[in-house]
Amino acid sequence: MNIKLIERFDAKLNPIMIKEIYQGFRNRWFVIGYGLALLVCLGGYITIVLPASLQNETLGVELFKVLILSMMLVALLIIPTSAGNQLRDEITSNTLDLIAITNLSPWAIISGRFQAAGLKMLLLFACIGPFAMAAFLLGGIGITLVLSSLGFLLLFALCFCALFLMVNALPALSPRYKVLAAITQILLILSLVVSVDEALLIRFVYFTETGWHWSVILIAILYLVLFGLLFIFFFLSMAAELLTPPEIRTFFYAKLILAILLIVVCLPFYQDILFPTGGSLKSWWVFELLFLTSLFMLYFFALFWAGQVSKRAPHHFIPHYLFGDGYAPTLIYVYVLTFSMTFSLYMTLPDNKALWFGLF
């Protein structure tokens, strides 16, 4: 193979990603996490499959639940926490200043870490792949459910990784925010442990078996993917904004409010978790009001943010705004609004009011 072609391809790679990959694969937490995940999968296979009869159709489902648990442990906890902690340590130890002296932009620093975390997650999925195939061959679970569950797990893990990077970039504003970043990260981990159980992602994609029309299922999948990509892009953009020098930082507080609005938009989907027993506390109008208010404020913030790019900034400081302006993120926001009003509100509002909101 042409060596120059390899060198040219290597020059296109993010140097932060290469550094994180080299260091991450030698990290003891990386070895412990992946070893623990493989041991859990192997232990689940030995305890569930070997003692039972192969004619039992529930073996595949039980084994797949064990696989999901082990993958969630690494993909949702260990990898995002490790990436966030390394970023916070470099910021507080002033190591990041040495990197910033080079031509690397804040977006390149953040995206490099995010790409390295994504590659670690893909390696995890490759390691668990044979066990997932075994769960499918044992029966009781379809290939569509296996692939969709793994896909949504990857999307969910990438969202959490981007969120952890944004939280751990807070010390770049002031060193005293180091404690705030650590506390926020601990609260996020606790909320994840409390709210996510072993069947969450399986239930997440069970709408494919509820008899809904294929168009509704397609809209749901597109909405979830777009919303996940929106979260990833926005949290990475916020993390890059935190690393940007204050004199060229653009519209920071408005985007911070926008991040809060994005989180509020998700509240209607957690009403069954917040109020599992129903009763008078489960008030639909409260969630409708929060949801609609956040959607419209999100829309106006997206339009207002579209042109808020500092033209005086050096060229290598503004590539985290696509195409130099904010129109691509705005387009994503509009698509998310459309799917929200045609699908999400369809599930929460009575009398098909969501159709009217969608037309509006």
Protein backbone atom coordinates (compact mmCIF):
# COMPACT_ATOMS: atom_id res chain seq x y z
CA MET A 1 0.00 0.00 0.00
CA ASN A 2 1.21 3.51 -0.76
CA ILE A 3 2.89 4.95 2.33
CA LYS A 4 2.20 8.52 1.24
CA LEU A 5 -1.50 7.75 1.04
CA ILE A 6 -1.42 6.50 4.63
CA GLU A 7 0.51 9.59 5.74
CA ARG A 8 -1.99 11.86 3.97
CA PHE A 9 -4.89 10.08 5.65
CA ASP A 10 -3.14 10.25 9.03
CA ALA A 11 -2.65 14.01 8.62
CA LYS A 12 -6.41 14.43 8.28
CA LEU A 13 -7.08 12.76 11.61
CA ASN A 14 -7.63 14.79 14.73
CA PRO A 15 -4.38 14.78 16.78
CA ILE A 16 -6.36 14.97 20.02
CA MET A 17 -8.26 11.82 19.02
CA ILE A 18 -4.99 10.00 18.25
CA LYS A 19 -3.49 11.05 21.59
CA GLU A 20 -6.60 9.98 23.51
CA ILE A 21 -6.73 6.62 21.74
CA TYR A 22 -3.06 5.88 22.49
CA GLN A 23 -3.39 6.90 26.13
CA GLY A 24 -6.89 5.49 26.61
CA PHE A 25 -6.04 1.95 25.53
CA ARG A 26 -3.29 1.91 28.17
CA ASN A 27 -5.56 3.30 30.86
CA ARG A 28 -6.33 0.86 33.66
CA TRP A 29 -9.97 1.99 33.78
CA PHE A 30 -10.30 1.09 30.11
CA VAL A 31 -8.92 -2.40 30.73
CA ILE A 32 -11.03 -2.89 33.86
CA GLY A 33 -14.22 -1.68 32.19
CA TYR A 34 -13.91 -3.81 29.09
CA GLY A 35 -12.75 -6.83 31.07
CA LEU A 36 -15.71 -6.47 33.43
CA ALA A 37 -18.14 -6.16 30.51
CA LEU A 38 -16.78 -9.31 28.87
CA LEU A 39 -16.84 -11.21 32.16
CA VAL A 40 -20.47 -10.23 32.75
CA CYS A 41 -21.43 -11.37 29.24
CA LEU A 42 -19.53 -14.64 29.61
CA GLY A 43 -20.99 -15.22 33.07
CA GLY A 44 -24.49 -14.53 31.78
CA TYR A 45 -24.00 -16.99 28.93
CA ILE A 46 -22.72 -19.69 31.29
CA THR A 47 -25.45 -19.24 33.92
CA ILE A 48 -28.40 -18.71 31.55
CA VAL A 49 -27.73 -20.81 28.46
CA LEU A 50 -25.70 -23.83 29.54
CA PRO A 51 -27.96 -25.14 32.37
CA ALA A 52 -31.19 -24.62 30.38
CA SER A 53 -32.73 -26.43 27.46
CA LEU A 54 -32.04 -24.97 24.04
CA GLN A 55 -35.75 -25.28 23.23
CA ASN A 56 -36.55 -22.51 25.70
CA GLU A 57 -37.49 -19.44 23.63
CA THR A 58 -36.78 -16.99 26.46
CA LEU A 59 -33.05 -17.71 26.55
CA GLY A 60 -32.27 -15.17 23.87
CA VAL A 61 -34.18 -12.40 25.65
CA GLU A 62 -32.55 -13.12 29.01
CA LEU A 63 -29.07 -13.23 27.52
CA PHE A 64 -29.68 -10.01 25.61
CA LYS A 65 -30.73 -8.25 28.84
CA VAL A 66 -27.41 -9.25 30.39
CA LEU A 67 -25.57 -7.93 27.34
CA ILE A 68 -27.43 -4.62 27.52
CA LEU A 69 -26.58 -4.29 31.23
CA SER A 70 -22.86 -4.89 30.67
CA MET A 71 -22.72 -2.52 27.70
CA MET A 72 -24.60 0.19 29.58
CA LEU A 73 -22.09 -0.07 32.43
CA VAL A 74 -19.20 0.77 30.11
CA ALA A 75 -20.85 2.93 27.43
CA LEU A 76 -22.97 5.10 29.74
CA LEU A 77 -20.77 5.32 32.83
CA ILE A 78 -17.11 4.44 32.39
CA ILE A 79 -16.33 5.94 28.95
CA PRO A 80 -18.17 9.31 29.38
CA THR A 81 -16.89 9.73 32.94
CA SER A 82 -13.31 8.99 31.90
CA ALA A 83 -13.46 11.44 28.97
CA GLY A 84 -14.95 14.17 31.15
CA ASN A 85 -12.50 13.68 34.00
CA GLN A 86 -9.50 13.85 31.66
CA LEU A 87 -10.76 17.09 30.15
CA ARG A 88 -11.36 18.63 33.59
CA ASP A 89 -7.92 17.56 34.83
CA GLU A 90 -6.19 19.11 31.81
CA ILE A 91 -8.11 22.36 32.26
CA THR A 92 -7.33 22.66 35.97
CA SER A 93 -3.66 21.67 35.52
CA ASN A 94 -3.21 24.22 32.70
CA THR A 95 -2.17 21.44 30.33
CA LEU A 96 -4.90 22.55 27.96
CA ASP A 97 -3.18 25.92 27.53
CA LEU A 98 -0.25 24.19 25.83
CA ILE A 99 -2.64 22.57 23.37
CA ALA A 100 -4.49 25.84 22.74
CA ILE A 101 -1.23 27.53 21.69
CA THR A 102 -1.20 25.36 18.57
CA ASN A 103 -3.52 25.82 15.61
CA LEU A 104 -6.10 23.50 17.15
CA SER A 105 -9.44 25.21 17.66
CA PRO A 106 -11.61 24.65 20.76
CA TRP A 107 -13.93 22.57 18.60
CA ALA A 108 -11.00 20.35 17.50
CA ILE A 109 -10.03 19.77 21.14
CA ILE A 110 -13.57 18.80 22.15
CA SER A 111 -14.42 16.81 19.03
CA GLY A 112 -11.14 14.89 19.27
CA ARG A 113 -12.05 13.65 22.73
CA PHE A 114 -15.57 12.88 21.59
CA GLN A 115 -14.30 10.91 18.58
CA ALA A 116 -11.96 8.92 20.81
CA ALA A 117 -14.84 8.07 23.15
CA GLY A 118 -16.97 7.06 20.17
CA LEU A 119 -14.24 4.72 18.89
CA LYS A 120 -14.02 3.11 22.34
CA MET A 121 -17.78 2.54 22.26
CA LEU A 122 -17.56 0.97 18.80
CA LEU A 123 -14.79 -1.32 20.08
CA LEU A 124 -17.08 -2.32 22.94
CA PHE A 125 -19.88 -3.14 20.49
CA ALA A 126 -17.47 -5.22 18.41
CA CYS A 127 -16.43 -7.20 21.49
CA ILE A 128 -20.05 -7.87 22.50
CA GLY A 129 -21.09 -8.69 18.91
CA PRO A 130 -20.60 -12.49 19.16
CA PHE A 131 -22.73 -12.63 22.32
CA ALA A 132 -25.47 -10.58 20.63
CA MET A 133 -25.44 -13.00 17.69
CA ALA A 134 -25.73 -15.90 20.14
CA ALA A 135 -28.76 -14.23 21.75
CA PHE A 136 -30.39 -13.90 18.32
CA LEU A 137 -29.68 -17.53 17.39
CA LEU A 138 -31.18 -18.75 20.68
CA GLY A 139 -34.52 -17.30 19.61
CA GLY A 140 -37.12 -15.17 21.32
CA ILE A 141 -35.68 -11.93 19.98
CA GLY A 142 -35.57 -10.59 16.44
CA ILE A 143 -32.64 -9.13 14.58
CA THR A 144 -34.55 -5.84 14.23
CA LEU A 145 -34.87 -5.51 17.99
CA VAL A 146 -31.21 -6.39 18.50
CA LEU A 147 -29.92 -3.84 15.99
CA SER A 148 -32.34 -1.08 17.04
CA SER A 149 -31.54 -1.58 20.74
CA LEU A 150 -27.80 -1.43 20.10
CA GLY A 151 -28.25 1.60 17.85
CA PHE A 152 -30.27 3.52 20.42
CA LEU A 153 -27.81 2.54 23.14
CA LEU A 154 -24.96 3.97 21.05
CA LEU A 155 -26.91 7.18 20.40
CA PHE A 156 -27.82 7.51 24.08
CA ALA A 157 -24.20 6.89 25.13
CA LEU A 158 -22.89 9.51 22.69
CA CYS A 159 -25.39 12.03 24.07
CA PHE A 160 -24.18 11.37 27.60
CA CYS A 161 -20.55 11.65 26.52
CA ALA A 162 -21.20 15.05 24.93
CA LEU A 163 -23.08 16.17 28.05
CA PHE A 164 -20.23 15.06 30.34
CA LEU A 165 -17.70 16.92 28.18
CA MET A 166 -19.77 20.10 28.43
CA VAL A 167 -20.11 19.78 32.22
CA ASN A 168 -16.40 19.14 32.74
CA ALA A 169 -15.48 22.12 30.54
CA LEU A 170 -17.00 24.47 33.13
CA PRO A 171 -13.65 25.03 34.96
CA ALA A 172 -12.47 26.86 31.83
CA LEU A 173 -14.71 29.75 32.92
CA SER A 174 -13.23 29.86 36.41
CA PRO A 175 -11.17 27.40 38.52
CA ARG A 176 -13.78 27.51 41.27
CA TYR A 177 -16.22 25.75 38.94
CA LYS A 178 -14.17 22.55 39.28
CA VAL A 179 -16.22 21.48 42.30
CA LEU A 180 -19.46 22.40 40.52
CA ALA A 181 -18.48 20.25 37.53
CA ALA A 182 -17.65 17.28 39.76
CA ILE A 183 -20.92 17.57 41.71
CA THR A 184 -22.96 17.92 38.52
CA GLN A 185 -21.30 14.85 37.04
CA ILE A 186 -22.04 12.82 40.18
CA LEU A 187 -25.69 13.90 40.08
CA LEU A 188 -25.93 12.91 36.41
CA ILE A 189 -24.48 9.48 37.16
CA LEU A 190 -26.89 8.98 40.08
CA SER A 191 -29.87 10.03 37.97
CA LEU A 192 -28.76 7.62 35.26
CA VAL A 193 -28.44 4.74 37.73
CA VAL A 194 -31.84 5.46 39.29
CA SER A 195 -33.84 6.03 36.10
CA VAL A 196 -32.34 3.39 33.79
CA ASP A 197 -32.97 -0.32 34.34
CA GLU A 198 -31.96 -3.35 32.33
CA ALA A 199 -34.99 -3.30 30.02
CA LEU A 200 -35.12 0.43 29.25
CA LEU A 201 -33.65 0.22 25.78
CA ILE A 202 -35.64 -2.91 24.99
CA ARG A 203 -38.88 -1.14 25.96
CA PHE A 204 -37.60 1.88 24.09
CA VAL A 205 -37.92 0.08 20.79
CA TYR A 206 -40.91 -2.14 21.58
CA PHE A 207 -43.14 0.31 19.70
CA THR A 208 -42.26 -1.76 16.63
CA GLU A 209 -44.40 -4.56 18.08
CA THR A 210 -47.43 -2.50 19.10
CA GLY A 211 -49.16 -2.65 15.73
CA TRP A 212 -48.58 1.00 14.84
CA HIS A 213 -48.47 2.02 11.21
CA TRP A 214 -45.03 1.92 9.65
CA SER A 215 -45.13 5.67 8.94
CA VAL A 216 -45.59 6.43 12.66
CA ILE A 217 -42.70 4.13 13.52
CA LEU A 218 -40.52 5.81 10.89
CA ILE A 219 -41.39 9.27 12.24
CA ALA A 220 -40.56 8.09 15.76
CA ILE A 221 -37.17 6.74 14.71
CA LEU A 222 -36.31 9.87 12.73
CA TYR A 223 -37.39 12.08 15.62
CA LEU A 224 -35.27 10.19 18.15
CA VAL A 225 -32.22 10.17 15.88
CA LEU A 226 -32.55 13.88 15.06
CA PHE A 227 -33.10 14.78 18.69
CA GLY A 228 -30.06 12.74 19.72
CA LEU A 229 -27.90 14.38 17.06
CA LEU A 230 -29.18 17.78 18.15
CA PHE A 231 -28.17 17.08 21.74
CA ILE A 232 -24.74 15.83 20.69
CA PHE A 233 -24.04 18.81 18.44
CA PHE A 234 -25.29 21.35 20.94
CA PHE A 235 -23.44 20.00 23.98
CA LEU A 236 -20.19 19.71 22.01
CA SER A 237 -20.69 23.25 20.71
CA MET A 238 -21.26 24.47 24.27
CA ALA A 239 -18.11 22.70 25.46
CA ALA A 240 -16.11 24.32 22.65
CA GLU A 241 -17.67 27.67 23.56
CA LEU A 242 -16.48 27.25 27.16
CA LEU A 243 -12.91 26.75 25.91
CA THR A 244 -13.12 29.78 23.61
CA PRO A 245 -11.42 32.97 24.89
CA PRO A 246 -13.97 35.40 26.42
CA GLU A 247 -13.21 38.20 23.98
CA ILE A 248 -14.46 36.16 21.03
CA ARG A 249 -17.09 34.07 22.82
CA THR A 250 -20.41 34.49 21.01
CA PHE A 251 -23.82 34.67 22.63
CA PHE A 252 -22.83 32.34 25.47
CA TYR A 253 -25.66 32.87 27.96
CA ALA A 254 -28.41 32.56 25.36
CA LYS A 255 -27.00 29.19 24.31
CA LEU A 256 -26.83 28.18 27.96
CA ILE A 257 -30.55 28.92 28.26
CA LEU A 258 -31.06 26.94 25.07
CA ALA A 259 -29.36 23.93 26.69
CA ILE A 260 -31.78 24.14 29.62
CA LEU A 261 -34.71 24.33 27.20
CA LEU A 262 -33.49 21.21 25.42
CA ILE A 263 -33.56 19.34 28.72
CA VAL A 264 -37.04 20.66 29.57
CA VAL A 265 -38.33 19.44 26.21
CA CYS A 266 -37.63 15.87 27.36
CA LEU A 267 -39.81 16.15 30.49
CA PRO A 268 -43.03 14.75 28.95
CA PHE A 269 -41.22 11.52 28.11
CA TYR A 270 -40.29 11.03 31.79
CA GLN A 271 -43.73 11.63 33.29
CA ASP A 272 -44.26 7.89 33.86
CA ILE A 273 -40.96 7.79 35.77
CA LEU A 274 -41.68 10.95 37.77
CA PHE A 275 -45.26 9.93 38.60
CA PRO A 276 -45.38 6.13 38.30
CA THR A 277 -48.53 5.71 40.39
CA GLY A 278 -50.64 8.28 38.56
CA GLY A 279 -53.13 10.19 40.69
CA SER A 280 -53.61 13.91 40.99
CA LEU A 281 -49.88 14.65 40.71
CA LYS A 282 -49.86 13.47 37.12
CA SER A 283 -51.20 16.65 35.57
CA TRP A 284 -51.11 16.60 31.80
CA TRP A 285 -51.46 20.33 31.36
CA VAL A 286 -48.23 21.02 33.28
CA PHE A 287 -46.21 18.91 30.86
CA GLU A 288 -48.05 20.35 27.87
CA LEU A 289 -47.29 23.89 29.04
CA LEU A 290 -43.61 23.14 29.66
CA PHE A 291 -43.32 21.27 26.40
CA LEU A 292 -44.96 23.88 24.18
CA THR A 293 -43.24 26.81 25.89
CA SER A 294 -39.84 25.17 25.50
CA LEU A 295 -40.50 24.32 21.86
CA PHE A 296 -41.43 27.85 20.86
CA MET A 297 -38.60 29.41 22.89
CA LEU A 298 -36.25 26.88 21.32
CA TYR A 299 -37.45 27.92 17.88
CA PHE A 300 -36.89 31.64 18.49
CA PHE A 301 -33.49 31.04 20.08
CA ALA A 302 -32.51 28.98 17.05
CA LEU A 303 -33.49 31.78 14.68
CA PHE A 304 -31.76 34.41 16.79
CA TRP A 305 -28.60 32.31 17.13
CA ALA A 306 -28.36 31.75 13.37
CA GLY A 307 -26.25 34.85 12.72
CA GLN A 308 -24.50 35.22 16.08
CA VAL A 309 -20.97 34.45 14.92
CA SER A 310 -18.10 36.79 15.67
CA LYS A 311 -16.59 37.86 12.35
CA ARG A 312 -13.56 39.32 14.17
CA ALA A 313 -12.48 35.97 15.54
CA PRO A 314 -9.47 34.21 14.04
CA HIS A 315 -10.38 31.66 11.41
CA HIS A 316 -9.36 28.63 13.48
CA PHE A 317 -11.56 29.69 16.41
CA ILE A 318 -14.94 29.49 14.69
CA PRO A 319 -15.23 26.15 12.85
CA HIS A 320 -17.63 24.75 15.44
CA TYR A 321 -20.34 26.81 13.74
CA LEU A 322 -21.16 24.87 10.60
CA PHE A 323 -20.46 26.80 7.40
CA GLY A 324 -19.42 29.87 9.44
CA ASP A 325 -23.02 30.74 10.34
CA GLY A 326 -25.65 29.02 12.43
CA TYR A 327 -28.03 28.02 9.67
CA ALA A 328 -27.33 24.30 9.73
CA PRO A 329 -28.09 24.02 13.49
CA THR A 330 -31.19 26.12 12.94
CA LEU A 331 -32.34 23.74 10.22
CA ILE A 332 -31.87 20.82 12.61
CA TYR A 333 -33.91 22.63 15.27
CA VAL A 334 -36.76 23.23 12.81
CA TYR A 335 -36.80 19.55 11.87
CA VAL A 336 -36.87 18.56 15.53
CA LEU A 337 -39.78 20.94 16.12
CA THR A 338 -41.68 19.40 13.23
CA PHE A 339 -41.25 15.86 14.50
CA SER A 340 -42.05 16.99 18.03
CA MET A 341 -45.36 18.49 17.05
CA THR A 342 -46.40 15.68 14.73
CA PHE A 343 -45.36 12.72 16.86
CA SER A 344 -44.53 13.53 20.48
CA LEU A 345 -47.55 15.73 21.05
CA TYR A 346 -49.64 13.13 19.26
CA MET A 347 -48.86 10.75 22.11
CA THR A 348 -49.45 13.27 24.91
CA LEU A 349 -52.24 15.58 23.77
CA PRO A 350 -55.82 14.26 23.54
CA ASP A 351 -58.16 14.57 20.53
CA ASN A 352 -55.31 14.61 17.99
CA LYS A 353 -54.47 18.22 18.81
CA ALA A 354 -50.92 17.54 17.72
CA LEU A 355 -52.05 17.44 14.11
CA TRP A 356 -53.25 21.02 14.41
CA PHE A 357 -49.95 22.04 15.99
CA GLY A 358 -48.10 20.30 13.18
CA LEU A 359 -50.13 22.17 10.55
CA PHE A 360 -49.51 25.41 12.42
